[in-house]
Amino acid sequence: MDVATDPVALAAALIRADSVTPARGSVFDVLEAALLPLGFAVDRFVIGEAPDGPVENLLATRDGQGRHLAFAGHVDVVPAGNGWAGSPWSGEVRGDLLYGRGAVDMKGAVAAFIAAAVRAPGAPLTLVITGDEEGPATYGTLSLIDRMAARGIAPDLCLVGEPTSAVRLGDMVKIGRRGSVNIWIEVAGRQGHVAYPHLADNPVPRLVALLAAIDAIVLDHGNRWFQPSNIEITEIEVGNPATNLIPAAARARLSIRFNDEQSGAALVDRIRAFAAPYRATVTGRISGEAFLTRPGDWSRIITDAIVARTGVVAELSTTGGTSDARFLSRLCPTVEFGLLNATMHKVDEAVAVADLHALTDIYADIIRRVAA
């Protein structure tokens, strides 16, 4: 059997290609070998410099009739860690499960979509596959989006194959994600001896008071599709090596996950204004904005395909962390659907063989419904 037609064999081959983020080389060789016989034009490129690069990405396109569907995913994985029952790179089937790092996050879904594409040879498709989703993502999907723009590739809809299912395959589909911003705060003081506080300026009390005030902020109460935005204090650092020294500065870091009632830039500005009376400097880094693909034709295509194969009625959700869908949603309506997420990033990560075949059936149905 051709490996591209069998999602289990293809997923196993991808798992055996060690691809700890940022991924390059052999894992993309496996993808290219599977895609070329299916009529895809494969564009592989390496981009970026240290420390966030270089990164390899792959853009594969196939012409056809009907609406143009893009499938987005990643083949980089987090480090395996210790304690596996077997090799994390074995791609071994034991019992009803396929084991290996990336089995569910997300080499299994990539393999399922390629196997599904075999069943719909006339549908126009693009695969947007990065080697850097688990890492900084500086040269990953954003670079692929730039490449698509340069080549005039404009999909009508996008499906991201992240593992969204919670208890059984198809029970959850992500139609949006919260945004994320990290904020660094520094309060400057004047160093001095603790016995002579009038000759120094201790920044720690001001930082503590500022953080208490920030912790009391209620950004919003959530809405129909999103939980409330939340501010979390993730680090406080003084780095004082002595017990009798008033430090010269005190620092803290915030992480804010926010819904579509907020924006990253506005949140940074709000914290900056809030911190001004405490003589603090604020620096923000926006990882991604919140997005929502409102329920409609696209989400209905996916949920109908899930029901047809499994009988499961999917919940439409925006829970969880960020994903590369935050970038792809700028191009077209974007929805995420994939395997169970119970073992992602864990020791002995595994996917049910039956789920890989079922996901392939669902993806093939989605492709046909989109192109119809």
Protein backbone atom coordinates (compact mmCIF):
# COMPACT_ATOMS: atom_id res chain seq x y z
CA MET A 1 0.00 0.00 0.00
CA ASP A 2 1.22 3.50 -0.87
CA VAL A 3 2.15 5.21 2.40
CA ALA A 4 0.20 8.35 1.42
CA THR A 5 -3.07 6.40 1.31
CA ASP A 6 -2.63 4.94 4.80
CA PRO A 7 -2.75 7.55 7.57
CA VAL A 8 -1.25 5.14 10.13
CA ALA A 9 1.76 4.28 7.98
CA LEU A 10 2.32 7.93 7.06
CA ALA A 11 1.95 9.12 10.66
CA ALA A 12 4.45 6.45 11.74
CA ALA A 13 6.92 7.58 9.09
CA LEU A 14 6.58 11.20 10.24
CA ILE A 15 7.07 10.17 13.89
CA ARG A 16 10.26 8.28 12.99
CA ALA A 17 11.64 11.50 11.51
CA ASP A 18 12.92 13.15 14.70
CA SER A 19 11.75 16.77 14.48
CA VAL A 20 12.17 18.55 17.80
CA THR A 21 11.41 22.21 17.19
CA PRO A 22 12.58 23.86 14.98
CA ALA A 23 12.19 20.98 12.54
CA ARG A 24 14.23 20.66 9.36
CA GLY A 25 15.21 18.00 6.90
CA SER A 26 14.00 14.42 7.15
CA VAL A 27 10.43 15.05 8.31
CA PHE A 28 9.91 17.32 5.30
CA ASP A 29 11.47 14.66 3.06
CA VAL A 30 8.70 12.29 4.21
CA LEU A 31 6.03 14.90 3.48
CA GLU A 32 7.39 15.75 0.06
CA ALA A 33 7.63 12.09 -0.93
CA ALA A 34 3.98 11.59 0.03
CA LEU A 35 2.65 14.73 -1.67
CA LEU A 36 4.40 14.73 -5.05
CA PRO A 37 2.67 11.57 -6.38
CA LEU A 38 -0.69 13.12 -5.45
CA GLY A 39 -0.21 16.00 -7.88
CA PHE A 40 0.92 18.63 -5.38
CA ALA A 41 3.54 21.20 -6.26
CA VAL A 42 5.82 21.29 -3.22
CA ASP A 43 7.65 24.45 -2.17
CA ARG A 44 10.14 23.92 0.67
CA PHE A 45 12.14 26.81 2.03
CA VAL A 46 14.42 27.58 4.96
CA ILE A 47 14.24 31.03 6.50
CA GLY A 48 15.44 32.97 9.52
CA GLU A 49 18.52 33.48 11.62
CA ALA A 50 19.45 32.54 15.16
CA PRO A 51 18.17 32.62 17.83
CA ASP A 52 14.68 31.88 16.41
CA GLY A 53 15.84 30.32 13.15
CA PRO A 54 16.63 28.87 10.74
CA VAL A 55 13.25 27.20 10.21
CA GLU A 56 12.04 24.99 7.38
CA ASN A 57 8.50 25.34 6.02
CA LEU A 58 6.51 23.62 3.31
CA LEU A 59 3.79 24.95 1.05
CA ALA A 60 2.08 22.37 -1.17
CA THR A 61 -0.61 23.30 -3.70
CA ARG A 62 -2.88 21.36 -6.02
CA ASP A 63 -5.24 22.91 -8.55
CA GLY A 64 -8.83 21.80 -8.93
CA GLN A 65 -12.45 22.85 -9.19
CA GLY A 66 -14.51 24.44 -6.41
CA ARG A 67 -13.70 26.40 -3.31
CA HIS A 68 -10.06 26.40 -2.30
CA LEU A 69 -9.36 24.78 1.09
CA ALA A 70 -6.11 25.23 3.01
CA PHE A 71 -5.02 22.78 5.68
CA ALA A 72 -2.51 24.13 8.18
CA GLY A 73 -0.37 22.25 10.62
CA HIS A 74 3.09 21.68 12.00
CA VAL A 75 5.54 18.79 12.06
CA ASP A 76 7.83 20.11 14.79
CA VAL A 77 7.40 18.59 18.22
CA VAL A 78 8.38 19.32 21.80
CA PRO A 79 11.30 17.34 23.31
CA ALA A 80 10.39 13.77 24.21
CA GLY A 81 11.41 13.78 27.86
CA ASN A 82 12.25 10.66 29.87
CA GLY A 83 10.23 7.65 30.97
CA TRP A 84 8.77 6.34 27.70
CA ALA A 85 7.81 2.67 27.57
CA GLY A 86 9.54 2.49 24.18
CA SER A 87 11.37 4.87 21.89
CA PRO A 88 9.51 8.17 21.42
CA TRP A 89 10.59 8.03 17.77
CA SER A 90 9.53 4.44 17.04
CA GLY A 91 6.18 5.11 15.39
CA GLU A 92 5.22 1.71 16.76
CA VAL A 93 1.70 0.30 16.91
CA ARG A 94 1.08 -1.54 20.15
CA GLY A 95 -2.42 -2.90 20.58
CA ASP A 96 -4.86 -0.29 19.28
CA LEU A 97 -2.51 2.70 19.62
CA LEU A 98 0.23 4.33 17.54
CA TYR A 99 2.92 5.66 19.86
CA GLY A 100 5.44 8.45 19.41
CA ARG A 101 6.15 12.11 19.96
CA GLY A 102 3.84 14.06 17.69
CA ALA A 103 1.29 11.26 17.27
CA VAL A 104 -1.55 13.61 18.21
CA ASP A 105 0.22 16.99 18.15
CA MET A 106 0.09 16.92 15.26
CA LYS A 107 1.69 14.50 12.83
CA GLY A 108 -1.36 12.25 13.00
CA ALA A 109 -3.67 14.96 11.66
CA VAL A 110 -1.20 15.92 8.91
CA ALA A 111 -1.08 12.27 7.81
CA ALA A 112 -4.88 12.00 7.93
CA PHE A 113 -5.35 15.06 5.74
CA ILE A 114 -2.87 13.82 3.13
CA ALA A 115 -4.61 10.44 3.06
CA ALA A 116 -7.93 12.26 2.73
CA ALA A 117 -6.62 14.29 -0.21
CA VAL A 118 -6.06 11.03 -2.10
CA ARG A 119 -9.84 10.47 -2.03
CA ALA A 120 -10.70 13.88 -3.50
CA PRO A 121 -8.35 14.27 -6.47
CA GLY A 122 -10.30 17.12 -8.09
CA ALA A 123 -10.43 19.46 -5.11
CA PRO A 124 -8.14 22.52 -4.98
CA LEU A 125 -5.98 22.26 -1.84
CA THR A 126 -3.07 23.94 -0.14
CA LEU A 127 -1.08 22.48 2.74
CA VAL A 128 0.56 25.06 4.99
CA ILE A 129 3.07 23.12 7.09
CA THR A 130 5.64 24.71 9.39
CA GLY A 131 8.62 23.40 11.30
CA ASP A 132 8.20 25.99 14.05
CA GLU A 133 4.90 26.08 15.89
CA GLU A 134 6.04 24.69 19.22
CA GLY A 135 8.91 27.19 19.42
CA PRO A 136 9.05 30.97 18.99
CA ALA A 137 7.03 30.76 15.72
CA THR A 138 8.92 33.79 14.42
CA TYR A 139 9.74 32.21 11.06
CA GLY A 140 6.93 29.66 10.91
CA THR A 141 3.36 30.26 9.77
CA LEU A 142 3.92 34.01 9.42
CA SER A 143 6.63 33.29 6.82
CA LEU A 144 4.31 30.86 5.07
CA ILE A 145 1.61 33.53 4.90
CA ASP A 146 4.12 35.91 3.32
CA ARG A 147 5.07 33.19 0.83
CA MET A 148 1.41 32.61 -0.04
CA ALA A 149 0.88 36.32 -0.64
CA ALA A 150 3.94 36.51 -2.90
CA ARG A 151 2.64 33.58 -4.95
CA GLY A 152 -0.96 34.79 -5.04
CA ILE A 153 -2.30 31.81 -3.09
CA ALA A 154 -5.60 32.85 -1.51
CA PRO A 155 -7.66 30.05 0.05
CA ASP A 156 -11.36 30.50 0.68
CA LEU A 157 -11.35 28.54 3.94
CA CYS A 158 -8.72 27.21 6.32
CA LEU A 159 -8.75 24.11 8.52
CA VAL A 160 -6.09 23.80 11.23
CA GLY A 161 -5.47 20.24 12.38
CA GLU A 162 -4.64 20.89 16.03
CA PRO A 163 -5.86 18.22 18.50
CA THR A 164 -9.11 19.84 19.60
CA SER A 165 -11.10 16.78 20.67
CA ALA A 166 -11.43 16.34 24.43
CA VAL A 167 -13.05 12.99 25.33
CA ARG A 168 -13.86 11.40 21.98
CA LEU A 169 -13.03 12.26 18.40
CA GLY A 170 -15.19 15.10 17.12
CA ASP A 171 -16.59 16.36 20.41
CA MET A 172 -15.00 19.80 20.12
CA VAL A 173 -14.19 22.21 17.28
CA LYS A 174 -12.36 25.47 17.87
CA ILE A 175 -13.90 28.47 16.13
CA GLY A 176 -11.69 31.04 17.83
CA ARG A 177 -8.90 31.57 20.31
CA ARG A 178 -8.05 34.14 22.93
CA GLY A 179 -5.18 36.51 22.32
CA SER A 180 -1.98 36.56 24.34
CA VAL A 181 0.32 39.35 25.49
CA ASN A 182 3.28 39.27 27.88
CA ILE A 183 4.23 42.44 29.73
CA TRP A 184 7.47 43.23 31.56
CA ILE A 185 7.41 45.85 34.33
CA GLU A 186 10.46 47.50 35.91
CA VAL A 187 10.36 49.87 38.87
CA ALA A 188 13.61 51.79 39.35
CA GLY A 189 14.85 52.86 42.75
CA ARG A 190 18.11 53.98 44.32
CA GLN A 191 20.41 51.45 45.90
CA GLY A 192 21.48 51.91 49.49
CA HIS A 193 22.07 50.43 52.95
CA VAL A 194 18.98 49.12 54.74
CA ALA A 195 20.05 50.95 57.91
CA TYR A 196 19.88 54.28 56.06
CA PRO A 197 16.64 54.10 54.07
CA HIS A 198 16.40 57.88 53.85
CA LEU A 199 19.46 57.80 51.62
CA ALA A 200 17.95 55.23 49.24
CA ASP A 201 14.72 54.61 47.34
CA ASN A 202 13.35 51.10 47.71
CA PRO A 203 11.49 50.05 44.51
CA VAL A 204 10.03 46.85 45.99
CA PRO A 205 7.09 48.40 47.89
CA ARG A 206 6.08 50.36 44.79
CA LEU A 207 6.23 47.23 42.65
CA VAL A 208 4.21 45.25 45.19
CA ALA A 209 1.57 47.99 45.39
CA LEU A 210 1.41 48.23 41.61
CA LEU A 211 0.98 44.47 41.23
CA ALA A 212 -1.77 44.42 43.85
CA ALA A 213 -3.60 47.13 41.94
CA ILE A 214 -3.14 45.28 38.64
CA ASP A 215 -4.36 42.03 40.20
CA ALA A 216 -7.61 43.78 41.13
CA ILE A 217 -8.36 44.85 37.53
CA VAL A 218 -11.43 43.26 35.93
CA LEU A 219 -10.92 43.51 32.20
CA ASP A 220 -14.33 42.16 31.17
CA HIS A 221 -16.89 39.51 32.04
CA GLY A 222 -16.59 37.43 28.88
CA ASN A 223 -19.28 37.02 26.24
CA ARG A 224 -21.24 34.43 24.25
CA TRP A 225 -18.13 32.78 22.83
CA PHE A 226 -15.30 33.74 25.16
CA GLN A 227 -14.49 33.39 28.83
CA PRO A 228 -13.38 36.54 30.68
CA SER A 229 -9.95 37.98 29.90
CA ASN A 230 -7.47 37.41 32.71
CA ILE A 231 -4.24 39.00 33.92
CA GLU A 232 -1.77 36.70 35.66
CA ILE A 233 1.40 37.75 37.48
CA THR A 234 3.94 35.18 36.32
CA GLU A 235 7.22 36.45 37.75
CA ILE A 236 8.63 38.81 40.39
CA GLU A 237 12.39 39.36 40.37
CA VAL A 238 14.74 41.51 42.40
CA GLY A 239 17.95 39.50 42.29
CA ASN A 240 19.31 41.00 45.48
CA PRO A 241 22.51 39.16 46.54
CA ALA A 242 22.74 40.79 49.99
CA THR A 243 20.49 40.93 53.06
CA ASN A 244 21.44 44.50 53.98
CA LEU A 245 21.02 46.10 50.57
CA ILE A 246 18.09 48.12 49.25
CA PRO A 247 17.98 47.12 45.58
CA ALA A 248 18.25 49.49 42.66
CA ALA A 249 15.35 47.96 40.71
CA ALA A 250 12.53 45.43 40.98
CA ARG A 251 10.88 43.65 38.05
CA ALA A 252 7.78 41.63 37.29
CA ARG A 253 6.14 39.93 34.34
CA LEU A 254 2.47 39.62 33.43
CA SER A 255 0.72 37.25 31.05
CA ILE A 256 -2.68 38.34 29.77
CA ARG A 257 -5.02 36.04 27.86
CA PHE A 258 -7.78 38.12 26.34
CA ASN A 259 -10.98 37.73 24.39
CA ASP A 260 -12.26 39.65 21.39
CA GLU A 261 -13.40 42.58 23.54
CA GLN A 262 -9.74 43.52 24.00
CA SER A 263 -6.69 44.11 21.83
CA GLY A 264 -3.06 43.49 22.64
CA ALA A 265 -1.89 47.04 22.02
CA ALA A 266 -4.69 48.54 24.09
CA LEU A 267 -3.86 46.23 27.00
CA VAL A 268 -0.19 47.23 26.93
CA ASP A 269 -1.21 50.90 26.86
CA ARG A 270 -3.62 50.34 29.75
CA ILE A 271 -0.96 48.72 31.94
CA ARG A 272 1.53 51.42 31.00
CA ALA A 273 -0.90 54.18 32.06
CA PHE A 274 -1.74 52.25 35.21
CA ALA A 275 1.97 51.93 36.07
CA ALA A 276 2.92 55.56 35.47
CA PRO A 277 2.13 56.81 39.03
CA TYR A 278 4.45 54.11 40.37
CA ARG A 279 7.33 55.37 38.18
CA ALA A 280 7.46 52.06 36.37
CA THR A 281 8.46 51.30 32.79
CA VAL A 282 6.36 48.83 30.79
CA THR A 283 7.30 46.72 27.76
CA GLY A 284 4.82 44.47 26.00
CA ARG A 285 5.05 41.67 23.47
CA ILE A 286 1.87 40.58 21.69
CA SER A 287 1.90 36.90 20.73
CA GLY A 288 -1.44 37.05 18.95
CA GLU A 289 -4.81 38.76 18.85
CA ALA A 290 -8.08 37.08 19.69
CA PHE A 291 -10.13 35.88 16.73
CA LEU A 292 -13.55 34.39 16.16
CA THR A 293 -14.91 32.63 13.10
CA ARG A 294 -18.60 33.06 13.79
CA PRO A 295 -20.73 29.93 13.42
CA GLY A 296 -22.01 29.57 9.88
CA ASP A 297 -21.41 27.63 6.69
CA TRP A 298 -17.79 26.72 7.42
CA SER A 299 -18.29 25.39 10.93
CA ARG A 300 -21.46 23.62 9.79
CA ILE A 301 -19.55 21.77 7.05
CA ILE A 302 -17.14 20.45 9.68
CA THR A 303 -19.75 19.51 12.27
CA ASP A 304 -21.94 17.83 9.65
CA ALA A 305 -18.98 15.74 8.49
CA ILE A 306 -18.24 14.75 12.09
CA VAL A 307 -21.83 13.69 12.73
CA ALA A 308 -21.94 11.72 9.47
CA ARG A 309 -18.88 9.65 10.46
CA THR A 310 -19.15 9.40 14.24
CA GLY A 311 -22.62 10.49 15.31
CA VAL A 312 -21.00 13.01 17.65
CA VAL A 313 -22.40 16.55 17.84
CA ALA A 314 -19.39 18.82 18.23
CA GLU A 315 -19.24 21.69 20.71
CA LEU A 316 -18.06 24.96 19.16
CA SER A 317 -15.44 26.38 21.52
CA THR A 318 -12.75 29.05 21.94
CA THR A 319 -11.07 27.51 25.00
CA GLY A 320 -7.42 26.64 25.38
CA GLY A 321 -4.19 28.35 24.48
CA THR A 322 -3.12 30.03 21.30
CA SER A 323 -2.37 28.31 18.00
CA ASP A 324 -1.22 29.34 14.55
CA ALA A 325 -4.88 29.85 13.68
CA ARG A 326 -4.38 33.32 15.17
CA PHE A 327 -2.28 34.16 12.10
CA LEU A 328 -4.24 32.25 9.47
CA SER A 329 -7.54 33.83 10.50
CA ARG A 330 -6.28 37.02 8.83
CA LEU A 331 -6.54 35.27 5.45
CA CYS A 332 -9.97 33.64 5.54
CA PRO A 333 -12.47 31.95 7.88
CA THR A 334 -10.40 29.56 10.01
CA VAL A 335 -11.53 26.65 12.16
CA GLU A 336 -9.53 24.04 14.09
CA PHE A 337 -10.39 20.36 14.32
CA GLY A 338 -8.27 17.32 15.03
CA LEU A 339 -7.50 14.37 17.28
CA LEU A 340 -7.90 13.89 21.03
CA ASN A 341 -5.57 16.11 23.03
CA ALA A 342 -5.29 13.95 26.17
CA THR A 343 -1.69 12.81 25.57
CA MET A 344 -0.18 15.75 23.70
CA HIS A 345 3.24 16.77 25.05
CA LYS A 346 3.09 13.85 27.52
CA VAL A 347 5.28 10.79 27.95
CA ASP A 348 3.94 7.89 25.82
CA GLU A 349 1.97 10.21 23.54
CA ALA A 350 -0.31 8.01 21.44
CA VAL A 351 -3.24 8.07 19.04
CA ALA A 352 -5.88 5.42 18.51
CA VAL A 353 -5.47 3.75 15.13
CA ALA A 354 -9.25 3.83 14.74
CA ASP A 355 -9.27 7.60 15.32
CA LEU A 356 -6.68 8.13 12.58
CA HIS A 357 -8.87 6.28 10.10
CA ALA A 358 -12.01 8.08 11.30
CA LEU A 359 -10.31 11.48 11.06
CA THR A 360 -9.22 10.66 7.52
CA ASP A 361 -12.84 9.87 6.63
CA ILE A 362 -14.03 13.14 8.18
CA TYR A 363 -11.33 15.20 6.44
CA ALA A 364 -12.17 13.59 3.10
CA ASP A 365 -15.83 14.44 3.60
CA ILE A 366 -14.92 18.03 4.51
CA ILE A 367 -12.79 18.37 1.38
CA ARG A 368 -15.66 17.14 -0.80
CA ARG A 369 -18.23 19.40 0.89
CA VAL A 370 -16.00 22.46 0.49
CA ALA A 371 -15.27 21.81 -3.18
CA ALA A 372 -18.88 20.96 -4.06
